[in-house]
Every structure is written in structure tokens, then in C-alpha cells.
């Protein structure tokens, strides 16, 4: 049954500005952990594996929340869901700010992961309340402010943590999130809900996918410490296999699956997922290892950088990532998505191998990290675009959700591999990993990235991969 809905209310610049400020605040809150991870590890007495877990738990939650956000937005209205998501994020930010220990901080990061669903909901609201031409400008503005927020968080997290405390580096952007959420609630008109029968939630699939991802993180994070306890490690691997098998079985039978695995039979989809996974593994290894290498004492082989200095050194990488989207779009239109992805893979593999070979100066790491960030943006943007345009319009959300889940799993695996290598490479009684652990991580990431060329060369030349 269809109902005649009242025409949506056209929004003005004030409402778009409120969404932009929210994107700015969430971008800042999302980015504070990476530049301050060595500081957090020292203050909370974390191992390298635990630091890797902290660096990706927000993304894992986001992979689970984003598909649900779209379904709930359709059922109840985008604004209503966005405000509630931001309430969860605000609680998570406050928990992170007050956290006295790692378990509490992990809980805060899990709650903050709801912010990943905010940006797509903002885009839905803009498209509902503005004509096509104006909505593109507004979406670009909101996206740009989110990237700008990430840069601001990267730069400010270190000075705030060192000048005030680690608690304030979470508290300040959380206060900004609360304020901008109140603005959105005041200035953004309500949008009518869609048809509820199109928004069924696959709760069994969600629970099983959550179990799969969490168990995978435990296996990767605890593997170095459980090497002497093969029965425990074996039990975790069996539990992981059970969760994964159950999730696949449920998704194949679900009437409205959270992730439609049948789409993986399409060459365009499985190729995009494989490439996304491999490229994000390579990126995540570097994202984790580079700040750690900056922080290693200058008396050893590192640079003894503070959290403030690490944020400054990572800024060029954030700038490169922000430029990658437009460059990838223009390149795909002119040369095709396969050419863009291939170029990105070459750039990333070269940067990773270069870091393994040469990392004696700060500028080596700065340039290498910027090259990896640019390559990641080129590849992922091209693959998301090609995936979205290779399926029917009604399947866009399902197809891109597969790429999203694969992207998060790739980031999670890469960070945990990096953490496991550093943990295994740290001599007994020492807090400093052997330099060879960093070299091994960069080499493994570079080799795996290079192997993805075998898949990239089978992509179609045009935009539709």
C-alpha cells in the first residue's frame, strides 16, 4: 500500500551548516586516537596488540551500524535516527574522556563507532530537502568538513593531550558533537519515514557478524601471547569458524539480509571486495606502524616524537587522503577505474617497500605515509564508484555495504597484524620492538598489496568494474 506523503520542507543554509558542523565535530572525534596511540599505550600500559585493537574497534562498530542506520532511517526518518545515533556517540565520547583503564576506553570507542552511520544519514537528509544540483554542493560541503575535522583532530589531539590531558582530547570534540547535534535537531525539519516493510532488520545476521568480527580481532590480537597455549588459540579459531559459518548460512537464507552474500557471485563485486580488503590491509599496517616508529626513542633507532609532533608529521597524509577522492573521480572518468586502481596499487606497494628499506629520517616516513594515504584513497574511491555503478540502482546499498564490511575487516586485520608483529618482535624485559619487526611489517604489507595486481588486471577498463 502506498501513501501520499506531504511534500518535504526545503532547507536553508543554516540547516546545511549545522550538518557541516556536525561532520566537522565527528571527524575530529574520530581522528584523535591515531596520533596519540603511543601516548595512550604508555599511560594505560597497553601492549602493541592492545593498541592495535584500540585503533580499529571504532571502525568495526561502524561496519555494523551503517547498514542498520540506513534501514532505520527508511523506517523512522533520517533526522530521528541521526539524532539518536549522535546521542550514542556523545555518550561514547564522554565514556572515553572519563576512562580510567583500557576496557572502559574500548567501551567508549565501541559507542563512538555509531558516528560512522552519521555521514550517510546526513546525505539522505540533504537529498530529501534540496533539489539535485544544490544537494550535490551540500554533500560536497559536508564531506569536505568531515575531512577537515579529521585534519583538525589529528593536529590538535597531541597538544591537548600533552597540555591538558588525554581526557580532554576526547572531551572537547565530544562537546562540539553535542552542540552541533542540538543545532541539527533545531534547524533540520523532520523527514517522513519510508515504507516499513522495506526496512526489515536482519538481527541474527547482525549478531553473528558481530561475533565473527570480535572473535577475529581476539584471534589476531592474542595470537602472539597464546602461542604457548595452543588449546586456547585453537578454541578461539573454532569459535571464529562457527560464527563465520553461521553468519554465511543465515545471510543466504534471510529475506532481507544485512549483507547479501549472493552478490559476491558477481565478478564486479567479488573483485572489488578482494581488492578493497588487500589494499586496506596494506594501508592499516602503515597507519599503525608509522606513529609507533615515530615514537621509538631516539637512543634506539626512532625519533622520540611526542604526540604533538606525531600529529604534525601525519598531517600531510591526511591532506593527501582528502585530495585522493577528487583525483580518483577525475582519473576514473578519463582513464577508467582499472587504470586508477592499478596506479594506486603500484604507488602503495612502492611506498611500503620504500619504508621498509629507508626510514632513517623523519621525512622518509612523512612522504611514505602520504603516498600510502593517497594510494588508498585513489583505490577505494574508484572501487566504491565502480561497484555502485555496476549494479541496478535498487542494489546500490547492498553492493556498497559488502565493500564497506570488507574495508573494515581489512583495516582491522592490518592493524592487528602490525600489533602482533611488534609484540612478537619486542625482546623480553624491553618496551622497544626490534627494528626488524617494523621492516617485516612493511615488507609483508607491500608484498600482499603487489599481489593484488593479479586481480586488478582482470577488472574492466571502464568505470564499471
Protein backbone atom coordinates (compact mmCIF):
# COMPACT_ATOMS: atom_id res chain seq x y z
CA UNK A 1 0.00 0.00 0.00
CA UNK A 2 1.32 3.43 -0.92
CA UNK A 3 0.56 6.61 0.90
CA UNK A 4 0.61 10.17 -0.32
CA UNK A 5 3.28 11.92 1.67
CA UNK A 6 3.37 15.61 2.37
CA UNK A 7 5.99 17.42 0.32
CA UNK A 8 9.28 17.70 2.11
CA UNK A 9 10.30 21.07 3.50
CA UNK A 10 13.13 22.79 1.67
CA UNK A 11 16.05 23.56 4.00
CA UNK A 12 18.21 26.65 4.04
CA UNK A 13 21.90 27.33 4.51
CA UNK A 14 21.56 27.27 8.29
CA UNK A 15 20.46 23.61 8.32
CA UNK A 16 23.23 22.59 5.91
CA UNK A 17 25.72 24.50 8.06
CA UNK A 18 24.51 22.58 11.12
CA UNK A 19 25.10 19.28 9.31
CA UNK A 20 28.53 20.53 8.27
CA UNK A 21 29.43 21.45 11.85
CA UNK A 22 28.31 18.00 12.97
CA UNK A 23 30.54 16.42 10.30
CA UNK A 24 33.43 18.63 11.44
CA UNK A 25 32.98 17.58 15.07
CA UNK A 26 32.62 13.85 14.34
CA UNK A 27 35.65 13.93 12.03
CA UNK A 28 37.70 15.47 14.83
CA UNK A 29 36.47 12.95 17.42
CA UNK A 30 37.16 10.02 15.10
CA UNK A 31 40.77 11.04 14.42
CA UNK A 32 42.19 11.69 17.91
CA UNK A 33 43.40 8.15 18.66
CA UNK A 34 45.86 7.61 15.79
CA UNK A 35 48.37 10.41 16.55
CA UNK A 36 48.19 9.80 20.30
CA UNK A 37 48.28 5.99 20.28
CA UNK A 38 51.86 5.75 21.64
CA UNK A 39 50.89 8.16 24.46
CA UNK A 40 47.77 6.12 25.26
CA UNK A 41 49.80 2.92 25.27
CA UNK A 42 52.21 4.41 27.82
CA UNK A 43 49.55 5.91 30.09
CA UNK A 44 47.30 2.85 30.07
CA UNK A 45 50.13 0.29 30.00
CA UNK A 46 48.94 -1.29 26.76
CA UNK A 47 50.78 -3.85 24.69
CA UNK A 48 51.23 -3.35 20.94
CA UNK A 49 48.40 -5.82 20.27
CA UNK A 50 46.05 -3.95 22.61
CA UNK A 51 47.00 -0.68 20.92
CA UNK A 52 46.12 -2.20 17.55
CA UNK A 53 42.74 -3.27 18.91
CA UNK A 54 42.05 0.24 20.21
CA UNK A 55 42.92 1.74 16.84
CA UNK A 56 40.26 -0.22 14.93
CA UNK A 57 37.40 -1.02 17.33
CA UNK A 58 35.53 2.15 16.30
CA UNK A 59 35.62 1.07 12.63
CA UNK A 60 34.36 -2.41 13.46
CA UNK A 61 31.34 -0.94 15.24
CA UNK A 62 30.81 1.39 12.29
CA UNK A 63 30.65 -1.50 9.85
CA UNK A 64 27.81 -2.98 11.88
CA UNK A 65 25.95 0.27 12.49
CA UNK A 66 25.98 1.74 8.98
CA UNK A 67 23.65 -0.82 7.30
CA UNK A 68 21.28 -0.57 10.26
CA UNK A 69 21.30 3.22 10.14
CA UNK A 70 20.08 3.17 6.55
CA UNK A 71 17.30 0.70 7.33
CA UNK A 72 16.17 2.56 10.44
CA UNK A 73 16.39 5.86 8.56
CA UNK A 74 13.99 4.49 5.98
CA UNK A 75 11.62 3.21 8.65
CA UNK A 76 11.61 6.10 11.11
CA UNK A 77 13.05 9.08 9.22
CA UNK A 78 16.65 10.16 8.72
CA UNK A 79 16.66 13.04 11.22
CA UNK A 80 15.21 10.96 14.02
CA UNK A 81 17.82 8.21 13.56
CA UNK A 82 20.67 10.71 13.16
CA UNK A 83 19.86 12.45 16.45
CA UNK A 84 19.72 9.15 18.31
CA UNK A 85 22.96 7.97 16.77
CA UNK A 86 24.62 11.19 17.89
CA UNK A 87 23.29 10.65 21.41
CA UNK A 88 25.08 7.28 21.47
CA UNK A 89 28.24 8.90 20.07
CA UNK A 90 28.11 11.61 22.72
CA UNK A 91 27.84 9.02 25.49
CA UNK A 92 30.75 7.15 23.94
CA UNK A 93 32.85 10.30 23.79
CA UNK A 94 32.17 11.04 27.44
CA UNK A 95 32.99 7.45 28.44
CA UNK A 96 36.29 7.71 26.50
CA UNK A 97 37.03 11.05 28.15
CA UNK A 98 36.48 9.66 31.66
CA UNK A 99 38.03 6.23 31.03
CA UNK A 100 40.49 5.20 33.76
CA UNK A 101 41.55 1.98 32.00
CA UNK A 102 41.72 0.26 28.62
CA UNK A 103 38.47 -1.77 28.94
CA UNK A 104 36.47 1.39 29.67
CA UNK A 105 38.18 3.24 26.80
CA UNK A 106 37.35 0.35 24.47
CA UNK A 107 33.69 0.62 25.54
CA UNK A 108 33.73 4.33 24.75
CA UNK A 109 35.21 3.65 21.31
CA UNK A 110 32.57 0.99 20.61
CA UNK A 111 29.83 3.54 21.33
CA UNK A 112 31.61 6.22 19.30
CA UNK A 113 31.54 3.83 16.32
CA UNK A 114 27.92 4.83 15.76
CA UNK A 115 29.27 8.03 14.17
CA UNK A 116 30.17 6.08 11.00
CA UNK A 117 26.46 5.93 10.16
CA UNK A 118 26.02 9.70 10.58
CA UNK A 119 27.52 10.82 7.28
CA UNK A 120 25.28 8.65 5.03
CA UNK A 121 22.22 9.81 7.03
CA UNK A 122 23.30 13.44 6.51
CA UNK A 123 23.47 12.80 2.78
CA UNK A 124 19.98 11.28 2.83
CA UNK A 125 18.60 14.35 4.59
CA UNK A 126 20.25 16.72 2.12
CA UNK A 127 18.89 14.81 -0.86
CA UNK A 128 15.38 14.78 0.64
CA UNK A 129 15.28 18.51 1.32
CA UNK A 130 17.19 20.03 -1.62
CA UNK A 131 16.97 19.78 -5.42
CA UNK A 132 19.58 17.67 -7.20
CA UNK A 133 22.00 20.45 -8.11
CA UNK A 134 22.01 22.04 -4.67
CA UNK A 135 22.21 18.69 -2.90
CA UNK A 136 25.47 17.85 -4.68
CA UNK A 137 27.02 21.08 -3.45
CA UNK A 138 25.74 20.46 0.08
CA UNK A 139 27.02 16.86 0.11
CA UNK A 140 30.41 18.07 -1.06
CA UNK A 141 30.45 20.70 1.68
CA UNK A 142 29.54 18.21 4.42
CA UNK A 143 32.10 15.68 3.13
CA UNK A 144 34.81 18.32 3.00
CA UNK A 145 34.08 19.46 6.55
CA UNK A 146 34.29 15.85 7.78
CA UNK A 147 37.75 15.53 6.21
CA UNK A 148 38.65 18.93 7.67
CA UNK A 149 37.54 17.73 11.08
CA UNK A 150 39.82 14.72 10.74
CA UNK A 151 42.76 17.01 10.00
CA UNK A 152 41.89 19.24 12.94
CA UNK A 153 41.68 16.24 15.25
CA UNK A 154 44.99 14.88 14.00
CA UNK A 155 46.73 18.19 14.66
CA UNK A 156 45.07 19.13 17.95
CA UNK A 157 44.92 15.76 19.75
CA UNK A 158 48.61 15.77 20.68
CA UNK A 159 48.81 19.34 22.04
CA UNK A 160 45.57 18.86 24.01
CA UNK A 161 46.66 15.50 25.45
CA UNK A 162 50.08 16.84 26.44
CA UNK A 163 48.98 20.31 27.52
CA UNK A 164 45.83 19.30 29.39
CA UNK A 165 45.36 15.51 29.50
CA UNK A 166 44.26 12.58 27.36
CA UNK A 167 40.80 13.00 28.85
CA UNK A 168 40.32 16.43 27.27
CA UNK A 169 41.30 15.27 23.79
CA UNK A 170 38.08 13.20 23.82
CA UNK A 171 36.01 15.67 25.83
CA UNK A 172 36.48 18.75 23.63
CA UNK A 173 35.29 17.22 20.32
CA UNK A 174 32.50 15.43 22.22
CA UNK A 175 31.25 18.80 23.49
CA UNK A 176 31.32 20.01 19.87
CA UNK A 177 29.32 16.94 18.79
CA UNK A 178 26.68 17.63 21.45
CA UNK A 179 26.39 21.29 20.45
CA UNK A 180 26.15 20.61 16.71
CA UNK A 181 23.62 17.82 17.30
CA UNK A 182 21.38 20.28 19.16
CA UNK A 183 21.71 22.67 16.19
CA UNK A 184 20.73 19.94 13.72
CA UNK A 185 17.76 18.98 15.89
CA UNK A 186 16.61 22.63 15.95
CA UNK A 187 17.27 23.66 12.34
CA UNK A 188 16.65 20.47 10.35
CA UNK A 189 12.96 19.74 9.62
CA UNK A 190 11.62 16.24 10.16
CA UNK A 191 11.59 13.98 7.13
CA UNK A 192 8.79 11.49 6.54
CA UNK A 193 9.60 7.82 7.12
CA UNK A 194 9.57 5.39 4.22
CA UNK A 195 7.78 2.09 3.90
CA UNK A 196 8.39 -0.09 6.95
CA UNK A 197 8.24 -3.36 5.01
CA UNK A 198 11.39 -2.32 3.13
CA UNK A 199 13.33 -1.85 6.35
CA UNK A 200 13.35 -5.26 7.97
CA UNK A 201 16.36 -5.72 10.20
CA UNK A 202 18.41 -8.89 9.98
CA UNK A 203 19.08 -9.24 13.71
CA UNK A 204 20.51 -12.82 13.53
CA UNK A 205 22.89 -11.68 10.79
CA UNK A 206 23.94 -8.67 12.84
CA UNK A 207 24.66 -10.77 15.95
CA UNK A 208 26.62 -13.40 14.01
CA UNK A 209 28.63 -10.80 12.09
CA UNK A 210 29.43 -9.03 15.37
CA UNK A 211 30.62 -12.33 16.85
CA UNK A 212 32.71 -13.05 13.75
CA UNK A 213 34.47 -9.68 13.78
CA UNK A 214 35.07 -9.63 17.54
CA UNK A 215 36.44 -13.19 17.55
CA UNK A 216 38.65 -12.40 14.56
CA UNK A 217 40.11 -9.45 16.47
CA UNK A 218 40.73 -11.65 19.51
CA UNK A 219 42.49 -14.31 17.43
CA UNK A 220 44.75 -11.78 15.73
CA UNK A 221 45.40 -9.77 18.87
CA UNK A 222 46.05 -12.66 21.24
CA UNK A 223 47.89 -15.00 18.85
CA UNK A 224 51.40 -13.87 19.91
CA UNK A 225 50.55 -14.28 23.62
CA UNK A 226 48.72 -17.58 23.13
CA UNK A 227 51.46 -19.28 21.11
CA UNK A 228 52.36 -21.28 24.21
CA UNK A 229 48.71 -22.23 24.78
CA UNK A 230 47.62 -23.89 21.55
CA UNK A 231 44.40 -25.26 23.04
CA UNK A 232 43.09 -21.77 23.85
CA UNK A 233 44.12 -20.43 20.45
CA UNK A 234 42.57 -23.46 18.76
CA UNK A 235 39.31 -22.93 20.65
CA UNK A 236 39.16 -19.30 19.51
CA UNK A 237 39.78 -20.34 15.90
CA UNK A 238 36.98 -22.92 16.11
CA UNK A 239 34.67 -20.28 17.58
CA UNK A 240 35.58 -17.93 14.74
CA UNK A 241 34.82 -20.65 12.19
CA UNK A 242 31.47 -21.35 13.86
CA UNK A 243 30.46 -17.68 13.85
CA UNK A 244 31.51 -17.22 10.23
CA UNK A 245 29.76 -20.39 9.06
CA UNK A 246 26.58 -19.47 10.94
CA UNK A 247 26.63 -15.93 9.54
CA UNK A 248 27.02 -17.17 5.95
CA UNK A 249 24.18 -19.68 6.41
CA UNK A 250 21.84 -17.07 7.92
CA UNK A 251 22.60 -14.42 5.29
CA UNK A 252 21.96 -16.84 2.43
CA UNK A 253 18.50 -17.63 3.81
CA UNK A 254 17.43 -14.22 5.14
CA UNK A 255 14.59 -12.46 3.32
CA UNK A 256 16.27 -9.10 3.91
CA UNK A 257 19.93 -9.88 4.69
CA UNK A 258 22.19 -7.36 6.35
CA UNK A 259 24.81 -8.23 3.71
CA UNK A 260 23.58 -10.02 0.60
CA UNK A 261 26.30 -12.61 0.01
CA UNK A 262 24.67 -13.69 -3.26
CA UNK A 263 26.08 -10.53 -4.76
CA UNK A 264 29.56 -11.95 -4.29
CA UNK A 265 28.88 -14.25 -7.24
CA UNK A 266 29.10 -11.18 -9.49
CA UNK A 267 32.66 -10.65 -10.75
CA UNK A 268 32.48 -6.87 -10.27
CA UNK A 269 31.58 -7.30 -6.60
CA UNK A 270 33.99 -10.03 -5.52
CA UNK A 271 36.87 -8.34 -7.31
CA UNK A 272 36.12 -5.05 -5.57
CA UNK A 273 35.88 -6.83 -2.21
CA UNK A 274 39.18 -8.69 -2.66
CA UNK A 275 40.99 -5.55 -3.78
CA UNK A 276 39.46 -3.45 -1.00
CA UNK A 277 40.48 -5.99 1.63
CA UNK A 278 44.07 -6.28 0.42
CA UNK A 279 44.59 -2.54 -0.06
CA UNK A 280 43.12 -1.74 3.36
CA UNK A 281 45.36 -4.36 4.99
CA UNK A 282 48.40 -2.64 3.50
CA UNK A 283 47.16 0.80 4.50
CA UNK A 284 46.30 -0.24 8.03
CA UNK A 285 49.69 -1.82 8.68
CA UNK A 286 51.32 1.51 7.78
CA UNK A 287 48.75 3.56 9.72
CA UNK A 288 49.61 1.56 12.84
CA UNK A 289 53.37 1.17 12.40
CA UNK A 290 54.37 4.69 11.32
CA UNK A 291 53.25 6.51 14.54
CA UNK A 292 54.88 3.74 16.58
CA UNK A 293 58.15 4.24 14.70
CA UNK A 294 57.97 8.00 15.24
CA UNK A 295 57.62 7.38 18.98
CA UNK A 296 60.54 4.94 19.37
CA UNK A 297 63.32 6.56 21.40
CA UNK A 298 66.00 8.43 19.50
CA UNK A 299 68.53 6.48 21.57
CA UNK A 300 67.42 3.36 19.72
CA UNK A 301 66.55 3.77 16.05
CA UNK A 302 63.48 6.04 16.21
CA UNK A 303 62.84 9.73 16.71
CA UNK A 304 61.34 10.06 20.21
CA UNK A 305 58.48 12.14 18.82
CA UNK A 306 55.79 13.48 21.15
CA UNK A 307 52.08 13.13 20.44
CA UNK A 308 52.03 16.74 19.18
CA UNK A 309 54.90 16.09 16.79
CA UNK A 310 53.34 12.84 15.56
CA UNK A 311 50.12 14.68 14.71
CA UNK A 312 52.11 17.25 12.75
CA UNK A 313 54.04 14.53 10.89
CA UNK A 314 50.79 12.74 9.97
CA UNK A 315 49.12 15.88 8.59
CA UNK A 316 50.50 15.54 5.01
CA UNK A 317 48.96 12.07 4.89
CA UNK A 318 45.58 13.49 5.92
CA UNK A 319 45.86 16.16 3.22
CA UNK A 320 46.76 13.52 0.62
CA UNK A 321 43.76 11.43 1.65
CA UNK A 322 41.44 14.43 1.25
CA UNK A 323 42.75 15.04 -2.28
CA UNK A 324 42.51 11.41 -3.32
CA UNK A 325 38.73 11.37 -3.80
CA UNK A 326 38.51 14.14 -6.42
CA UNK A 327 41.67 12.90 -8.16
CA UNK A 328 40.28 9.36 -8.30
CA UNK A 329 36.96 10.58 -9.71
CA UNK A 330 38.62 12.60 -12.46
CA UNK A 331 41.03 9.77 -13.24
CA UNK A 332 38.24 7.20 -13.47
CA UNK A 333 36.26 9.38 -15.86
CA UNK A 334 39.26 9.91 -18.14
CA UNK A 335 41.20 6.65 -17.91
CA UNK A 336 38.76 4.17 -16.35
CA UNK A 337 38.62 2.65 -12.88
CA UNK A 338 41.08 -0.15 -13.66
CA UNK A 339 43.81 2.35 -14.51
CA UNK A 340 43.20 4.30 -11.29
CA UNK A 341 43.22 1.18 -9.11
CA UNK A 342 46.35 -0.17 -10.82
CA UNK A 343 48.17 3.14 -10.36
CA UNK A 344 47.13 3.23 -6.70
CA UNK A 345 48.38 -0.31 -6.09
CA UNK A 346 51.75 0.47 -7.68
CA UNK A 347 52.07 3.63 -5.58
CA UNK A 348 51.15 1.88 -2.33
CA UNK A 349 53.40 -1.13 -2.88
CA UNK A 350 56.30 1.16 -3.79
CA UNK A 351 55.75 3.35 -0.71
CA UNK A 352 55.58 0.34 1.64
CA UNK A 353 58.73 -1.27 0.25
CA UNK A 354 60.48 2.12 0.37
CA UNK A 355 59.58 2.47 4.07
CA UNK A 356 60.98 -1.00 4.74
CA UNK A 357 64.21 -0.03 3.01
CA UNK A 358 64.65 3.60 4.08
CA UNK A 359 63.25 5.00 7.34
CA UNK A 360 66.24 6.72 8.92
CA UNK A 361 64.86 10.25 8.59
CA UNK A 362 61.53 11.78 9.56
CA UNK A 363 60.82 12.94 6.02
CA UNK A 364 61.13 9.33 4.81
CA UNK A 365 58.17 8.38 6.98
CA UNK A 366 56.19 11.54 6.20
CA UNK A 367 56.46 11.07 2.43
CA UNK A 368 55.88 7.32 2.63
CA UNK A 369 52.77 7.72 4.77
CA UNK A 370 51.41 10.45 2.46
CA UNK A 371 51.94 8.21 -0.57
CA UNK A 372 50.12 5.33 1.12
CA UNK A 373 47.20 7.59 2.11
CA UNK A 374 46.92 8.95 -1.43
CA UNK A 375 47.06 5.45 -2.93
CA UNK A 376 44.42 4.14 -0.54
CA UNK A 377 42.06 7.00 -1.38
CA UNK A 378 42.57 6.52 -5.12
CA UNK A 379 41.85 2.79 -4.96
CA UNK A 380 38.96 2.74 -2.52
CA UNK A 381 37.13 5.66 -4.17
CA UNK A 382 37.49 4.07 -7.62
CA UNK A 383 36.26 0.70 -6.37
CA UNK A 384 33.28 2.08 -4.47
CA UNK A 385 32.29 4.10 -7.54
CA UNK A 386 32.71 1.15 -9.87
CA UNK A 387 30.76 -1.12 -7.52
CA UNK A 388 27.88 1.36 -7.20
CA UNK A 389 27.63 1.79 -10.97
CA UNK A 390 27.91 -1.92 -11.79
CA UNK A 391 24.58 -2.89 -10.18
CA UNK A 392 20.96 -1.81 -10.51
CA UNK A 393 20.03 1.34 -8.60
CA UNK A 394 18.00 -0.65 -6.11
CA UNK A 395 21.02 -2.83 -5.28
CA UNK A 396 23.44 0.03 -4.68
CA UNK A 397 23.15 -0.07 -0.89
CA UNK A 398 23.57 -3.83 -0.72
CA UNK A 399 26.59 -3.86 -3.02
CA UNK A 400 28.37 -0.98 -1.31
CA UNK A 401 27.69 -2.48 2.14
CA UNK A 402 29.71 -5.52 1.06
CA UNK A 403 32.62 -3.27 0.17
CA UNK A 404 32.19 -1.38 3.46
CA UNK A 405 32.34 -4.54 5.58
CA UNK A 406 35.34 -5.77 3.59
CA UNK A 407 37.08 -2.42 4.06
CA UNK A 408 36.65 -2.53 7.82
CA UNK A 409 37.81 -6.15 8.06
CA UNK A 410 40.89 -5.22 6.01
CA UNK A 411 41.70 -2.32 8.31
CA UNK A 412 41.16 -4.48 11.37
CA UNK A 413 43.32 -7.34 10.11
CA UNK A 414 46.12 -4.96 9.06
CA UNK A 415 46.22 -3.18 12.42
CA UNK A 416 46.18 -6.44 14.35
CA UNK A 417 48.92 -7.93 12.15
CA UNK A 418 51.04 -4.83 12.79
CA UNK A 419 50.41 -5.07 16.53
CA UNK A 420 51.19 -8.79 16.58
CA UNK A 421 54.48 -8.25 14.72
CA UNK A 422 55.59 -5.57 17.18
CA UNK A 423 54.55 -7.70 20.15
CA UNK A 424 56.43 -10.71 18.81
CA UNK A 425 59.45 -8.54 17.98
CA UNK A 426 59.79 -6.97 21.44
CA UNK A 427 62.57 -8.65 23.46
CA UNK A 428 61.73 -9.85 26.95
CA UNK A 429 62.13 -7.07 29.51
CA UNK A 430 62.15 -4.33 26.87
CA UNK A 431 59.49 -1.84 25.78
CA UNK A 432 61.12 -1.22 22.39
CA UNK A 433 60.40 -3.60 19.49
CA UNK A 434 63.30 -4.70 17.33
CA UNK A 435 63.69 -2.58 14.19
CA UNK A 436 63.30 -5.76 12.14
CA UNK A 437 59.67 -6.00 13.31
CA UNK A 438 58.85 -2.75 11.52
CA UNK A 439 60.78 -3.83 8.42
CA UNK A 440 58.93 -7.15 8.35
CA UNK A 441 55.56 -5.41 8.66
CA UNK A 442 56.24 -3.01 5.79
CA UNK A 443 57.58 -5.81 3.57
CA UNK A 444 54.61 -8.10 4.22
CA UNK A 445 52.14 -5.27 3.53
CA UNK A 446 53.98 -4.28 0.34
CA UNK A 447 54.14 -7.85 -0.96
CA UNK A 448 50.45 -8.52 -0.28
CA UNK A 449 49.50 -5.22 -1.93
CA UNK A 450 51.57 -6.04 -5.01
CA UNK A 451 49.87 -9.43 -5.35
CA UNK A 452 46.50 -7.66 -5.71
CA UNK A 453 47.62 -6.62 -9.21
CA UNK A 454 46.67 -10.15 -10.26
CA UNK A 455 43.04 -9.26 -9.52
CA UNK A 456 43.22 -5.63 -10.68
CA UNK A 457 44.35 -6.63 -14.18
CA UNK A 458 41.10 -8.59 -14.65
CA UNK A 459 38.89 -5.56 -13.97
CA UNK A 460 37.09 -3.99 -16.90
CA UNK A 461 38.70 -0.85 -18.29
CA UNK A 462 35.71 1.41 -17.90
CA UNK A 463 34.00 2.93 -14.89
CA UNK A 464 32.02 -0.26 -14.34
CA UNK A 465 34.46 -2.71 -12.82
